[in-house]
Amino acid sequence: MLNRQDVTHHNIVIFITNVKYLHYLLCFLGAVWMSVRVRPLKYLLGWLIAGTRGGVTRAKILETLRENPQNANQLANLLGMDYRTIRHHLKILQKNRIITFVGNGYGTTYFLSTEMEENYGIFEEILNKLWKKQKREKKK
């Protein structure tokens, strides 16, 4: 516990100065984190979309959510898929911070995370490679 003698003008100035530098440090680290995060996002999306069985479904969900935020039931109806399947893929995308949501229960509305919106081009690159690969496999 601080005594009254411990709280001096000098200590307050040092504390404020340290907080100011801490703010600058946190801003710098945030900028570095965002630039470093792009590469892992590319690998994460590659795995979630092209590297797993449900990737095509997750890609369709992401494309749909980019156009307009939806709840799980709306997505199921738009994509012609089972509600539980959509919920499963939404949980995976949410767990990996690709999508986010507002609300709770049946009316929970899903939309792309800010990071996903900012890096949507990476997703499109992966998707184009996936579609090209599927076209080649169909020709065989």
Protein backbone atom coordinates (compact mmCIF):
# COMPACT_ATOMS: atom_id res chain seq x y z
CA MET A 1 0.00 0.00 0.00
CA LEU A 2 1.27 3.46 -0.85
CA ASN A 3 1.91 6.02 1.84
CA ARG A 4 1.25 9.66 1.22
CA GLN A 5 5.01 10.30 1.14
CA ASP A 6 5.42 7.76 -1.70
CA VAL A 7 3.14 9.69 -4.03
CA THR A 8 5.34 12.57 -5.06
CA HIS A 9 5.32 14.75 -8.11
CA HIS A 10 8.44 12.94 -9.33
CA ASN A 11 6.82 9.49 -9.08
CA ILE A 12 3.73 10.71 -10.93
CA VAL A 13 5.84 12.16 -13.77
CA ILE A 14 7.81 8.91 -14.09
CA PHE A 15 4.56 6.90 -14.14
CA ILE A 16 2.99 9.12 -16.81
CA THR A 17 6.16 8.97 -18.94
CA ASN A 18 6.24 5.17 -18.67
CA VAL A 19 2.58 4.94 -19.66
CA LYS A 20 3.27 7.20 -22.67
CA TYR A 21 6.12 4.94 -23.82
CA LEU A 22 4.04 1.86 -23.12
CA HIS A 23 1.35 3.27 -25.42
CA TYR A 24 3.92 3.79 -28.21
CA LEU A 25 5.32 0.31 -27.65
CA LEU A 26 1.85 -1.25 -27.83
CA CYS A 27 1.04 0.67 -31.04
CA PHE A 28 4.32 -0.50 -32.59
CA LEU A 29 3.77 -4.10 -31.51
CA GLY A 30 0.22 -3.98 -32.89
CA ALA A 31 1.51 -2.83 -36.29
CA VAL A 32 4.17 -5.54 -36.29
CA TRP A 33 1.61 -8.17 -35.27
CA MET A 34 -0.71 -7.22 -38.13
CA SER A 35 2.09 -7.45 -40.71
CA VAL A 36 3.31 -10.77 -39.31
CA ARG A 37 -0.24 -12.14 -39.16
CA VAL A 38 -0.78 -11.93 -42.95
CA ARG A 39 1.46 -14.91 -43.69
CA PRO A 40 -0.13 -17.15 -41.04
CA LEU A 41 -3.54 -16.07 -42.32
CA LYS A 42 -2.57 -17.28 -45.79
CA TYR A 43 -1.55 -20.66 -44.38
CA LEU A 44 -4.63 -20.84 -42.18
CA LEU A 45 -6.98 -20.06 -45.06
CA GLY A 46 -5.12 -22.49 -47.28
CA TRP A 47 -5.67 -25.22 -44.73
CA LEU A 48 -9.30 -24.30 -43.97
CA ILE A 49 -10.30 -23.95 -47.63
CA ALA A 50 -8.03 -26.14 -49.75
CA GLY A 51 -6.57 -28.53 -47.21
CA THR A 52 -9.64 -30.09 -45.61
CA ARG A 53 -12.79 -31.89 -46.72
CA GLY A 54 -15.18 -29.10 -45.78
CA GLY A 55 -13.17 -26.40 -47.51
CA VAL A 56 -15.58 -25.91 -50.40
CA THR A 57 -18.48 -25.44 -47.98
CA ARG A 58 -16.46 -22.95 -45.90
CA ALA A 59 -15.52 -21.07 -49.07
CA LYS A 60 -19.19 -20.79 -50.06
CA ILE A 61 -20.03 -19.53 -46.57
CA LEU A 62 -17.30 -16.88 -46.74
CA GLU A 63 -18.37 -15.71 -50.20
CA THR A 64 -21.97 -15.44 -49.01
CA LEU A 65 -21.05 -13.57 -45.84
CA ARG A 66 -18.95 -11.10 -47.81
CA GLU A 67 -22.02 -10.15 -49.82
CA ASN A 68 -24.29 -9.84 -46.78
CA PRO A 69 -24.15 -10.87 -43.09
CA GLN A 70 -26.45 -13.82 -42.42
CA ASN A 71 -27.60 -16.08 -39.61
CA ALA A 72 -27.07 -19.85 -39.80
CA ASN A 73 -30.60 -20.57 -41.00
CA GLN A 74 -30.35 -18.01 -43.80
CA LEU A 75 -27.01 -19.49 -44.88
CA ALA A 76 -28.46 -23.01 -44.85
CA ASN A 77 -31.37 -21.93 -47.04
CA LEU A 78 -29.20 -19.89 -49.45
CA LEU A 79 -26.64 -22.66 -49.86
CA GLY A 80 -29.19 -25.51 -49.85
CA MET A 81 -27.41 -27.27 -47.00
CA ASP A 82 -28.30 -28.78 -43.65
CA TYR A 83 -28.52 -26.29 -40.77
CA ARG A 84 -26.26 -28.40 -38.52
CA THR A 85 -23.61 -28.64 -41.24
CA ILE A 86 -23.61 -24.86 -41.60
CA ARG A 87 -23.36 -24.43 -37.80
CA HIS A 88 -20.39 -26.82 -37.74
CA HIS A 89 -18.50 -24.82 -40.37
CA LEU A 90 -19.43 -21.50 -38.74
CA LYS A 91 -17.90 -22.74 -35.46
CA ILE A 92 -14.68 -23.70 -37.25
CA LEU A 93 -14.46 -20.32 -39.02
CA GLN A 94 -15.28 -18.48 -35.80
CA LYS A 95 -12.73 -20.48 -33.78
CA ASN A 96 -10.06 -19.49 -36.31
CA ARG A 97 -11.13 -15.81 -36.24
CA ILE A 98 -12.13 -15.78 -39.89
CA ILE A 99 -15.68 -14.71 -39.06
CA THR A 100 -17.26 -12.96 -36.12
CA PHE A 101 -20.83 -12.59 -34.91
CA VAL A 102 -23.36 -10.32 -33.27
CA GLY A 103 -26.19 -11.51 -31.05
CA ASN A 104 -26.85 -14.90 -29.60
CA GLY A 105 -29.10 -17.88 -30.07
CA TYR A 106 -31.07 -18.46 -33.22
CA GLY A 107 -30.71 -14.88 -34.44
CA THR A 108 -26.89 -14.77 -34.24
CA THR A 109 -25.68 -12.91 -37.31
CA TYR A 110 -22.30 -13.85 -38.79
CA PHE A 111 -20.00 -11.67 -40.87
CA LEU A 112 -16.37 -11.60 -41.96
CA SER A 113 -13.84 -10.51 -39.36
CA THR A 114 -12.04 -7.24 -39.96
CA GLU A 115 -8.82 -9.13 -40.66
CA MET A 116 -10.57 -11.33 -43.21
CA GLU A 117 -12.12 -8.32 -44.94
CA GLU A 118 -8.72 -6.59 -45.09
CA ASN A 119 -7.09 -9.70 -46.56
CA TYR A 120 -9.92 -11.00 -48.74
CA GLY A 121 -7.57 -11.06 -51.73
CA ILE A 122 -5.61 -13.89 -50.10
CA PHE A 123 -8.83 -15.90 -49.88
CA GLU A 124 -9.61 -15.19 -53.54
CA GLU A 125 -6.14 -16.39 -54.58
CA ILE A 126 -6.61 -19.65 -52.69
CA LEU A 127 -10.11 -20.05 -54.10
CA ASN A 128 -8.92 -19.52 -57.69
CA LYS A 129 -6.21 -22.15 -57.25
CA LEU A 130 -8.76 -24.54 -55.75
CA TRP A 131 -11.23 -24.07 -58.64
CA LYS A 132 -8.45 -24.53 -61.22
CA LYS A 133 -7.34 -27.71 -59.48
CA GLN A 134 -10.91 -29.06 -59.43
CA LYS A 135 -11.35 -28.29 -63.14
CA ARG A 136 -8.12 -30.17 -63.97
CA GLU A 137 -9.24 -33.17 -61.89
CA LYS A 138 -12.63 -33.27 -63.68
CA LYS A 139 -10.91 -33.37 -67.07
CA LYS A 140 -8.95 -36.49 -66.11
